[in-house]
N, C-alpha and C. Protein backbone atom coordinates (compact mmCIF):
# COMPACT_ATOMS: atom_id res chain seq x y z
N MET A 1 28.08 2.16 11.78
CA MET A 1 26.70 2.42 11.22
C MET A 1 25.93 1.73 10.24
N ASP A 2 26.72 1.25 9.56
CA ASP A 2 26.11 0.88 8.23
C ASP A 2 25.59 -0.40 8.72
N ARG A 3 26.57 -1.45 9.72
CA ARG A 3 25.73 -2.55 9.98
C ARG A 3 24.71 -2.52 10.53
N ALA A 4 24.86 -1.58 11.69
CA ALA A 4 23.33 -1.31 12.04
C ALA A 4 21.71 -0.96 11.19
N LEU A 5 22.18 0.14 9.89
CA LEU A 5 21.08 -0.02 9.06
C LEU A 5 21.44 -1.39 8.15
N ALA A 6 21.94 -1.99 8.39
CA ALA A 6 21.53 -3.44 7.51
C ALA A 6 20.76 -4.24 8.57
N GLU A 7 20.94 -4.29 9.71
CA GLU A 7 20.32 -5.09 10.55
C GLU A 7 18.64 -4.26 10.81
N LEU A 8 18.85 -3.27 10.49
CA LEU A 8 17.39 -2.76 10.53
C LEU A 8 16.99 -2.06 9.25
N PRO A 9 16.15 -3.01 8.17
CA PRO A 9 15.65 -2.38 7.11
C PRO A 9 14.38 -1.82 7.38
N TYR A 10 14.74 -0.54 6.24
CA TYR A 10 13.31 -0.28 6.03
C TYR A 10 11.89 -0.90 5.29
N LEU A 11 11.22 -1.54 6.87
CA LEU A 11 10.04 -2.14 6.29
C LEU A 11 8.87 -1.68 6.65
N PRO A 12 7.94 -0.44 5.38
CA PRO A 12 7.01 0.10 6.16
C PRO A 12 5.70 -0.94 5.90
N SER A 13 5.29 -0.44 7.14
CA SER A 13 3.59 -1.45 7.56
C SER A 13 2.60 -0.72 6.45
N PRO A 14 1.46 -1.48 6.25
CA PRO A 14 0.53 -1.16 5.83
C PRO A 14 -0.23 -0.02 6.65
N GLU A 15 -1.22 0.94 6.18
CA GLU A 15 -1.72 1.87 6.31
C GLU A 15 -3.16 0.74 7.34
N THR A 16 -3.67 -0.22 6.82
CA THR A 16 -4.47 -1.08 7.40
C THR A 16 -3.93 -1.79 8.71
N VAL A 17 -2.29 -2.18 8.41
CA VAL A 17 -2.01 -2.78 9.72
C VAL A 17 -1.91 -1.78 10.99
N VAL A 18 -1.43 -0.48 10.74
CA VAL A 18 -1.01 0.34 11.65
C VAL A 18 -2.30 0.47 12.48
N ARG A 19 -3.41 0.98 11.56
CA ARG A 19 -4.76 1.06 12.35
C ARG A 19 -5.15 -0.22 13.06
N LYS A 20 -4.95 -0.74 12.65
CA LYS A 20 -5.30 -2.47 12.95
C LYS A 20 -4.62 -2.50 15.06
N ALA A 21 -3.28 -2.24 14.85
CA ALA A 21 -2.12 -2.19 15.65
C ALA A 21 -2.56 -1.14 16.72
N LEU A 22 -2.88 0.23 16.38
CA LEU A 22 -3.20 1.03 17.35
C LEU A 22 -4.90 0.78 17.72
N ASP A 23 -5.97 0.02 17.19
CA ASP A 23 -7.00 -0.21 17.92
C ASP A 23 -6.83 -1.45 18.92
N ILE A 24 -5.85 -2.25 18.82
CA ILE A 24 -5.76 -3.39 19.34
C ILE A 24 -4.74 -3.09 20.90
N ALA A 25 -3.84 -1.72 20.60
CA ALA A 25 -3.66 -1.44 21.73
C ALA A 25 -4.17 0.03 22.42
N GLU A 26 -5.37 0.35 21.94
CA GLU A 26 -6.59 1.08 22.47
C GLU A 26 -5.70 2.69 22.85
N LEU A 27 -5.01 3.20 21.97
CA LEU A 27 -4.52 3.81 22.19
C LEU A 27 -5.10 5.21 22.31
N LYS A 28 -5.42 6.43 23.29
CA LYS A 28 -6.26 7.62 23.16
C LYS A 28 -5.13 8.30 23.04
N ASP A 29 -6.17 9.79 23.09
CA ASP A 29 -5.39 10.97 23.12
C ASP A 29 -4.91 11.45 23.99
N ASP A 30 -4.85 10.95 24.93
CA ASP A 30 -3.82 11.72 25.88
C ASP A 30 -2.46 11.08 26.21
N GLU A 31 -2.33 9.99 25.22
CA GLU A 31 -1.39 9.23 25.39
C GLU A 31 -0.33 9.60 24.68
N THR A 32 1.05 8.50 25.02
CA THR A 32 2.39 9.02 24.13
C THR A 32 2.44 7.62 23.67
N LEU A 33 2.76 7.59 22.05
CA LEU A 33 3.43 6.37 21.64
C LEU A 33 4.88 6.74 20.87
N VAL A 34 5.42 5.99 20.57
CA VAL A 34 6.80 5.60 20.11
C VAL A 34 6.78 4.62 18.92
N ASP A 35 6.98 4.81 18.09
CA ASP A 35 7.43 3.72 16.92
C ASP A 35 8.87 3.65 16.45
N LEU A 36 9.39 2.81 16.74
CA LEU A 36 11.22 2.34 17.35
C LEU A 36 11.20 1.82 15.80
N GLY A 37 12.05 2.77 14.76
CA GLY A 37 12.27 2.63 13.84
C GLY A 37 11.22 3.21 13.04
N CYS A 38 11.27 3.91 12.90
CA CYS A 38 10.02 4.94 12.37
C CYS A 38 10.10 4.79 11.08
N GLY A 39 10.69 4.82 10.24
CA GLY A 39 11.03 5.05 8.53
C GLY A 39 10.36 6.03 8.08
N ASP A 40 9.41 5.55 7.37
CA ASP A 40 8.81 7.32 6.53
C ASP A 40 7.60 8.05 7.38
N GLY A 41 7.38 7.55 8.93
CA GLY A 41 6.20 8.46 9.89
C GLY A 41 5.12 7.65 9.87
N ARG A 42 4.88 7.12 8.85
CA ARG A 42 3.24 6.80 8.67
C ARG A 42 2.29 6.31 10.10
N VAL A 43 3.13 5.54 11.15
CA VAL A 43 2.52 5.03 12.06
C VAL A 43 2.13 6.35 12.93
N LEU A 44 3.52 7.42 12.66
CA LEU A 44 2.95 8.86 13.65
C LEU A 44 1.91 9.70 13.04
N VAL A 45 2.10 9.62 11.90
CA VAL A 45 0.89 10.44 11.12
C VAL A 45 -0.23 9.33 11.63
N ILE A 46 -0.78 8.50 11.43
CA ILE A 46 -1.88 7.78 12.08
C ILE A 46 -2.11 7.79 13.41
N ALA A 47 -1.13 7.98 14.25
CA ALA A 47 -1.45 7.90 15.70
C ALA A 47 -1.93 9.63 16.01
N ALA A 48 -1.22 10.32 15.32
CA ALA A 48 -1.21 11.41 15.57
C ALA A 48 -2.82 12.36 15.18
N ARG A 49 -2.64 11.88 14.07
CA ARG A 49 -4.59 12.59 12.85
C ARG A 49 -5.68 11.85 13.45
N TYR A 50 -5.56 10.21 13.62
CA TYR A 50 -6.48 9.58 14.05
C TYR A 50 -6.96 9.34 15.39
N TYR A 51 -6.02 9.15 16.13
CA TYR A 51 -5.97 8.84 17.20
C TYR A 51 -5.92 10.00 18.46
N GLY A 52 -5.17 11.08 17.83
CA GLY A 52 -5.02 12.47 18.48
C GLY A 52 -3.73 12.08 19.95
N ALA A 53 -3.09 11.45 19.38
CA ALA A 53 -1.55 10.92 20.67
C ALA A 53 -0.82 11.95 20.39
N PHE A 54 0.22 11.72 21.01
CA PHE A 54 1.45 12.13 20.56
C PHE A 54 2.28 11.32 20.59
N ALA A 55 2.88 11.31 19.15
CA ALA A 55 3.91 10.13 18.48
C ALA A 55 5.10 10.68 18.34
N VAL A 56 6.30 9.81 18.86
CA VAL A 56 7.62 10.06 18.61
C VAL A 56 7.79 8.91 17.64
N GLY A 57 8.85 9.24 16.54
CA GLY A 57 9.46 8.07 16.14
C GLY A 57 11.03 8.18 16.35
N VAL A 58 11.50 7.11 16.56
CA VAL A 58 12.85 6.66 16.22
C VAL A 58 13.48 6.00 15.14
N GLU A 59 14.41 7.02 14.41
CA GLU A 59 14.80 6.58 13.26
C GLU A 59 16.43 6.47 13.11
N LEU A 60 17.10 5.65 12.71
CA LEU A 60 18.71 5.46 12.52
C LEU A 60 19.35 6.13 11.30
N ASN A 61 18.42 6.09 10.33
CA ASN A 61 18.57 6.35 8.97
C ASN A 61 18.16 7.70 8.45
N PRO A 62 19.56 9.08 8.49
CA PRO A 62 19.31 10.27 7.87
C PRO A 62 18.40 10.40 7.29
N LEU A 63 18.33 9.67 6.17
CA LEU A 63 17.37 10.08 4.93
C LEU A 63 15.80 9.64 5.61
N LEU A 64 15.44 9.10 6.16
CA LEU A 64 14.19 8.60 6.64
C LEU A 64 13.95 9.44 7.50
N VAL A 65 14.92 10.15 8.54
CA VAL A 65 14.51 10.87 9.25
C VAL A 65 13.94 12.30 8.85
N LYS A 66 14.60 12.60 7.82
CA LYS A 66 14.07 13.64 6.76
C LYS A 66 12.92 13.45 6.18
N LEU A 67 12.82 12.14 5.64
CA LEU A 67 11.49 11.92 5.01
C LEU A 67 10.02 11.85 6.07
N ALA A 68 10.36 11.32 7.11
CA ALA A 68 9.56 11.10 8.57
C ALA A 68 9.01 12.78 8.58
N GLN A 69 10.01 13.69 8.76
CA GLN A 69 9.60 14.94 9.41
C GLN A 69 8.84 15.74 8.31
N ARG A 70 9.38 15.62 7.06
CA ARG A 70 8.53 15.94 5.83
C ARG A 70 6.73 15.52 5.94
N GLU A 71 6.93 13.87 6.02
CA GLU A 71 5.18 13.49 5.85
C GLU A 71 4.49 13.74 6.95
N CYS A 72 5.52 13.98 8.28
CA CYS A 72 4.41 14.70 9.62
C CYS A 72 3.93 16.13 8.63
N ARG A 73 4.94 17.02 8.28
CA ARG A 73 4.82 18.27 8.10
C ARG A 73 3.47 18.12 7.44
N LEU A 74 3.85 17.52 6.02
CA LEU A 74 2.70 17.36 5.18
C LEU A 74 1.10 17.36 5.62
N ALA A 75 1.21 16.26 6.52
CA ALA A 75 0.01 15.45 7.11
C ALA A 75 -0.64 16.23 8.33
N GLY A 76 0.15 17.63 8.18
CA GLY A 76 -0.40 18.53 9.38
C GLY A 76 0.08 18.18 10.81
N VAL A 77 0.42 17.27 11.11
CA VAL A 77 0.84 16.73 12.40
C VAL A 77 1.96 16.91 13.10
N GLU A 78 2.72 18.07 12.39
CA GLU A 78 4.01 18.34 13.20
C GLU A 78 3.69 18.57 14.76
N SER A 79 3.27 19.34 15.01
CA SER A 79 2.92 19.78 16.36
C SER A 79 2.62 18.68 17.38
N ARG A 80 2.19 17.39 16.73
CA ARG A 80 2.02 16.27 18.01
C ARG A 80 3.15 14.94 17.47
N THR A 81 4.11 15.38 16.74
CA THR A 81 5.12 14.40 16.56
C THR A 81 6.33 14.88 17.13
N GLU A 82 6.98 13.99 16.94
CA GLU A 82 8.70 14.30 17.44
C GLU A 82 9.27 12.88 16.64
N ILE A 83 10.38 13.75 15.78
CA ILE A 83 11.23 12.70 15.07
C ILE A 83 12.83 12.61 16.11
N VAL A 84 13.53 11.53 16.33
CA VAL A 84 14.42 11.69 16.92
C VAL A 84 15.50 10.75 16.20
N ALA A 85 16.38 11.19 15.79
CA ALA A 85 17.68 10.60 15.22
C ALA A 85 18.46 9.75 16.20
N ALA A 86 18.24 8.34 16.22
CA ALA A 86 19.00 7.42 17.02
C ALA A 86 18.79 6.16 16.82
N ASP A 87 19.78 5.55 17.37
CA ASP A 87 19.20 3.69 18.06
C ASP A 87 18.39 3.13 18.29
N LEU A 88 17.38 2.46 18.18
CA LEU A 88 16.20 2.17 18.88
C LEU A 88 16.79 1.81 20.14
N PHE A 89 18.06 1.04 20.44
CA PHE A 89 18.65 0.37 21.70
C PHE A 89 19.39 1.05 22.60
N THR A 90 19.32 2.78 21.92
CA THR A 90 20.08 3.35 22.85
C THR A 90 18.87 4.71 23.49
N PHE A 91 17.71 4.67 23.19
CA PHE A 91 16.64 5.30 23.29
C PHE A 91 15.67 4.93 24.16
N ASP A 92 15.53 5.40 25.58
CA ASP A 92 14.76 5.41 26.53
C ASP A 92 13.56 5.07 26.19
N VAL A 93 12.58 4.04 26.41
CA VAL A 93 11.16 3.87 26.37
C VAL A 93 10.22 4.01 27.61
N SER A 94 10.70 4.02 28.60
CA SER A 94 9.99 3.88 29.76
C SER A 94 8.91 4.93 29.54
N PRO A 95 9.23 6.30 29.21
CA PRO A 95 8.23 7.49 29.63
C PRO A 95 6.81 7.20 28.35
N PHE A 96 6.84 6.00 27.56
CA PHE A 96 5.58 5.81 26.47
C PHE A 96 4.42 4.99 27.14
N ASP A 97 3.50 5.27 26.67
CA ASP A 97 2.36 4.52 26.50
C ASP A 97 2.03 3.00 26.06
N VAL A 98 2.64 3.58 24.54
CA VAL A 98 2.29 2.65 23.55
C VAL A 98 3.39 2.33 22.55
N ILE A 99 4.20 1.15 22.41
CA ILE A 99 5.21 1.32 21.47
C ILE A 99 5.03 -0.15 20.05
N TYR A 100 5.29 0.58 19.29
CA TYR A 100 4.93 -0.04 18.16
C TYR A 100 6.64 -0.33 17.16
N VAL A 101 6.76 -1.70 16.91
CA VAL A 101 7.87 -1.80 16.21
C VAL A 101 7.69 -2.79 15.25
N TYR A 102 8.07 -2.38 14.18
CA TYR A 102 8.13 -4.19 12.90
C TYR A 102 9.93 -4.18 13.15
N PRO A 103 10.05 -4.98 13.57
CA PRO A 103 11.47 -5.12 13.67
C PRO A 103 11.86 -6.27 12.35
N SER A 104 13.10 -6.48 12.44
CA SER A 104 14.00 -7.52 11.72
C SER A 104 14.04 -8.75 12.49
N PRO A 105 13.95 -9.76 12.73
CA PRO A 105 14.16 -10.96 13.10
C PRO A 105 15.42 -10.85 13.98
N SER A 106 16.49 -10.62 13.50
CA SER A 106 17.85 -10.35 13.96
C SER A 106 18.00 -9.81 15.29
N ILE A 107 17.09 -8.73 15.34
CA ILE A 107 16.95 -7.99 17.11
C ILE A 107 15.66 -8.36 17.63
N THR A 108 15.25 -9.27 17.34
CA THR A 108 13.84 -9.28 18.40
C THR A 108 14.64 -10.10 19.83
N ARG A 109 15.85 -10.72 20.10
CA ARG A 109 16.44 -10.95 21.33
C ARG A 109 16.55 -10.17 22.37
N ARG A 110 17.52 -9.27 21.42
CA ARG A 110 18.20 -7.72 22.08
C ARG A 110 16.59 -7.31 22.54
N LEU A 111 15.65 -6.82 21.59
CA LEU A 111 14.63 -5.93 21.56
C LEU A 111 13.69 -6.41 22.91
N GLU A 112 13.47 -7.81 22.71
CA GLU A 112 12.79 -8.40 24.20
C GLU A 112 13.78 -7.95 25.41
N PHE A 113 14.80 -7.81 25.64
CA PHE A 113 15.67 -7.25 26.81
C PHE A 113 15.40 -5.98 27.03
N LYS A 114 15.49 -5.36 25.98
CA LYS A 114 15.30 -3.90 26.25
C LYS A 114 13.82 -3.53 26.86
N LEU A 115 12.50 -4.18 26.04
CA LEU A 115 11.38 -4.11 26.62
C LEU A 115 10.67 -4.38 28.04
N GLN A 116 11.36 -5.43 28.50
CA GLN A 116 11.56 -6.13 29.48
C GLN A 116 12.02 -5.29 30.91
N VAL A 117 13.16 -4.43 30.95
CA VAL A 117 13.77 -3.51 31.44
C VAL A 117 13.13 -2.12 31.06
N GLU A 118 12.78 -1.77 30.29
CA GLU A 118 12.71 -0.22 30.83
C GLU A 118 11.06 -0.25 30.65
N CYS A 119 10.36 -1.08 30.03
CA CYS A 119 9.02 -0.52 30.35
C CYS A 119 7.85 -0.40 31.17
N LYS A 120 7.37 0.86 30.95
CA LYS A 120 6.48 0.99 32.61
C LYS A 120 5.36 -0.08 32.78
N GLN A 121 5.16 -0.45 33.42
CA GLN A 121 3.97 -1.22 33.94
C GLN A 121 2.68 -0.78 33.03
N GLY A 122 2.20 -1.77 32.37
CA GLY A 122 1.29 -1.78 31.56
C GLY A 122 1.11 -0.89 30.18
N CYS A 123 2.35 -0.80 30.12
CA CYS A 123 3.05 0.00 28.65
C CYS A 123 2.51 -0.95 27.54
N ARG A 124 1.73 -0.52 26.70
CA ARG A 124 1.30 -1.68 25.52
C ARG A 124 2.48 -1.83 24.53
N VAL A 125 2.91 -2.85 23.93
CA VAL A 125 3.65 -3.43 22.98
C VAL A 125 2.89 -3.61 21.99
N ILE A 126 2.80 -3.68 20.81
CA ILE A 126 2.79 -4.00 19.13
C ILE A 126 3.78 -4.66 18.44
N LEU A 127 3.97 -5.84 18.41
CA LEU A 127 5.07 -6.14 17.60
C LEU A 127 4.54 -6.53 16.12
N HIS A 128 5.13 -6.48 14.77
CA HIS A 128 4.74 -6.38 13.24
C HIS A 128 5.63 -7.64 12.99
N ASP A 129 4.50 -8.41 12.70
CA ASP A 129 5.62 -9.82 12.37
C ASP A 129 6.42 -10.23 12.91
N HIS A 130 7.02 -9.84 13.88
CA HIS A 130 8.21 -11.19 14.45
C HIS A 130 7.93 -10.67 15.80
N PRO A 131 7.41 -11.68 16.39
CA PRO A 131 7.17 -11.84 18.34
C PRO A 131 8.70 -11.56 18.81
N LEU A 132 8.52 -11.27 19.91
CA LEU A 132 9.08 -11.64 20.88
C LEU A 132 9.40 -13.06 20.80
N PRO A 133 11.09 -13.61 21.43
CA PRO A 133 11.01 -14.85 21.27
C PRO A 133 10.79 -15.54 22.44
N SER A 134 10.96 -15.14 23.83
CA SER A 134 10.63 -16.20 24.70
C SER A 134 9.33 -15.32 25.61
N VAL A 135 8.48 -14.60 25.10
CA VAL A 135 7.48 -14.10 25.94
C VAL A 135 6.32 -14.41 24.84
N GLU A 136 5.14 -15.15 25.57
CA GLU A 136 3.85 -15.16 24.90
C GLU A 136 2.84 -13.73 24.71
N PRO A 137 2.87 -13.66 23.53
CA PRO A 137 1.70 -13.00 23.43
C PRO A 137 0.28 -12.83 24.22
N LEU A 138 -0.27 -11.68 24.53
CA LEU A 138 -1.51 -11.34 24.77
C LEU A 138 -2.31 -11.77 23.97
N THR A 139 -2.44 -11.19 22.66
CA THR A 139 -2.64 -11.75 21.44
C THR A 139 -2.29 -11.40 20.10
N VAL A 140 -2.57 -12.43 19.46
CA VAL A 140 -2.05 -12.21 18.26
C VAL A 140 -3.24 -12.42 16.98
N VAL A 141 -2.92 -11.34 16.02
CA VAL A 141 -4.08 -11.18 15.02
C VAL A 141 -3.49 -11.06 13.79
N SER A 142 -4.00 -11.78 12.72
CA SER A 142 -3.69 -11.84 11.53
C SER A 142 -4.42 -11.05 10.50
N ILE A 143 -3.60 -10.56 9.48
CA ILE A 143 -4.41 -9.54 8.25
C ILE A 143 -3.71 -9.55 6.89
N PRO A 144 -4.44 -10.57 6.41
CA PRO A 144 -4.09 -10.85 5.14
C PRO A 144 -3.89 -9.34 4.11
N SER A 145 -2.92 -9.72 3.47
CA SER A 145 -2.22 -8.21 2.89
C SER A 145 -3.05 -8.20 1.25
N GLY A 146 -3.80 -9.30 0.84
CA GLY A 146 -3.99 -9.50 -0.70
C GLY A 146 -2.97 -10.21 -1.28
N ARG A 147 -1.99 -10.42 -0.88
CA ARG A 147 -0.52 -10.60 -1.61
C ARG A 147 -0.33 -12.50 -1.12
N MET A 148 0.49 -12.64 -1.13
CA MET A 148 0.95 -13.75 -0.28
C MET A 148 1.15 -13.59 0.98
N HIS A 149 1.65 -12.83 1.23
CA HIS A 149 1.84 -12.18 2.96
C HIS A 149 0.63 -12.09 3.56
N VAL A 150 0.71 -12.92 5.03
CA VAL A 150 -0.37 -12.36 5.95
C VAL A 150 0.35 -11.57 7.18
N HIS A 151 0.43 -10.30 7.30
CA HIS A 151 0.83 -9.59 8.30
C HIS A 151 0.19 -9.80 9.77
N GLU A 152 1.46 -10.11 10.70
CA GLU A 152 0.95 -10.76 11.97
C GLU A 152 1.18 -9.30 13.15
N LEU A 153 0.17 -9.64 13.83
CA LEU A 153 0.37 -8.53 14.79
C LEU A 153 0.37 -9.36 16.28
N TYR A 154 1.45 -8.83 17.23
CA TYR A 154 1.71 -9.33 18.34
C TYR A 154 1.54 -8.46 19.59
N PHE A 155 0.42 -8.59 20.44
CA PHE A 155 0.12 -7.52 21.38
C PHE A 155 0.41 -8.08 22.82
N TYR A 156 1.50 -7.21 23.67
CA TYR A 156 2.40 -7.39 24.84
C TYR A 156 1.83 -6.41 25.80
N VAL A 157 1.42 -6.36 26.99
CA VAL A 157 1.59 -5.62 27.71
C VAL A 157 2.32 -5.72 29.02
N ALA A 158 3.14 -4.64 29.49
CA ALA A 158 4.34 -4.75 29.98
C ALA A 158 3.78 -4.92 31.44
N GLY A 159 4.52 -5.98 32.30
CA GLY A 159 4.32 -6.39 33.64
C GLY A 159 2.94 -7.74 33.38
N LYS A 160 2.36 -7.84 32.88
CA LYS A 160 1.27 -8.53 32.57
C LYS A 160 1.75 -9.77 31.69
N SER A 161 2.33 -9.42 30.78
CA SER A 161 2.72 -10.45 29.63
C SER A 161 4.38 -10.66 30.18
N TRP A 162 5.07 -9.75 30.72
CA TRP A 162 6.29 -10.45 31.20
C TRP A 162 6.04 -11.02 32.20
N LYS A 163 4.99 -11.06 33.50
CA LYS A 163 4.75 -11.73 34.55
C LYS A 163 4.07 -13.55 33.87
N VAL A 164 3.32 -13.29 33.16
CA VAL A 164 3.11 -14.49 32.59
C VAL A 164 4.30 -15.54 32.14
N ARG A 165 5.35 -14.92 31.32
CA ARG A 165 6.45 -15.15 31.14
C ARG A 165 7.33 -15.85 32.48
N ARG A 166 7.54 -15.03 33.42
CA ARG A 166 7.93 -15.61 34.39
C ARG A 166 7.37 -16.56 35.08
N GLU A 167 6.14 -16.80 35.49
CA GLU A 167 5.36 -17.74 36.20
C GLU A 167 5.34 -19.10 35.43
N ARG A 168 5.39 -19.04 34.38
CA ARG A 168 5.58 -20.32 33.31
C ARG A 168 7.10 -21.14 33.79
N VAL A 169 7.73 -19.99 33.61
CA VAL A 169 9.01 -20.47 33.87
C VAL A 169 9.43 -20.77 35.18
N LEU A 170 8.77 -20.55 36.17
CA LEU A 170 8.88 -20.88 37.45
C LEU A 170 8.09 -22.41 37.74
N LYS A 171 6.79 -22.20 37.10
CA LYS A 171 6.24 -23.80 37.42
C LYS A 171 7.01 -25.00 36.57
N VAL A 172 7.67 -24.44 35.27
CA VAL A 172 8.36 -25.81 34.93
C VAL A 172 9.53 -26.03 35.70
N ARG A 173 10.11 -25.20 36.16
CA ARG A 173 11.40 -25.13 36.88
C ARG A 173 10.74 -26.09 38.59
N ARG A 174 9.52 -25.86 38.94
CA ARG A 174 9.16 -26.82 40.25
C ARG A 174 8.81 -28.08 39.99
N GLU A 175 8.28 -28.69 38.35
CA GLU A 175 7.89 -29.80 38.02
C GLU A 175 8.99 -30.40 38.20
């Protein structure tokens, strides 16, 4: 488990980045969102409070699970959120409408495979800073942070994004 925690560090997304991500995904109040590696629960709080969605956080670190639960309770969104203590690679994402992830670069290849296998058609996927290695995003948005770092959001739609990649591969193979 220590190796997994090292591979999945706690990297909180600024609120401006989260709001932009959920705007890009067009999150609606009758939808469900999952944040894979939810950390302190800030994405869940924003999704539930400002977008009215039901938000699930998946977190491996037991201390962050408790922190996320506390933050959701303090924000008054406990009834619209759920925190699951689990490894994101063993958690089934198939029921969700929107997936948010701030992945470590070391996991993006495995994450890409998981998303392509499990996401239902039309599921919107947002990755913060580290894109899927073999899939072209439909949209990329840059958000300056005021520091030297510029946040990047990569937007994909299951079925559409995966299909674009397959069509390009088939085209290259035919040529």
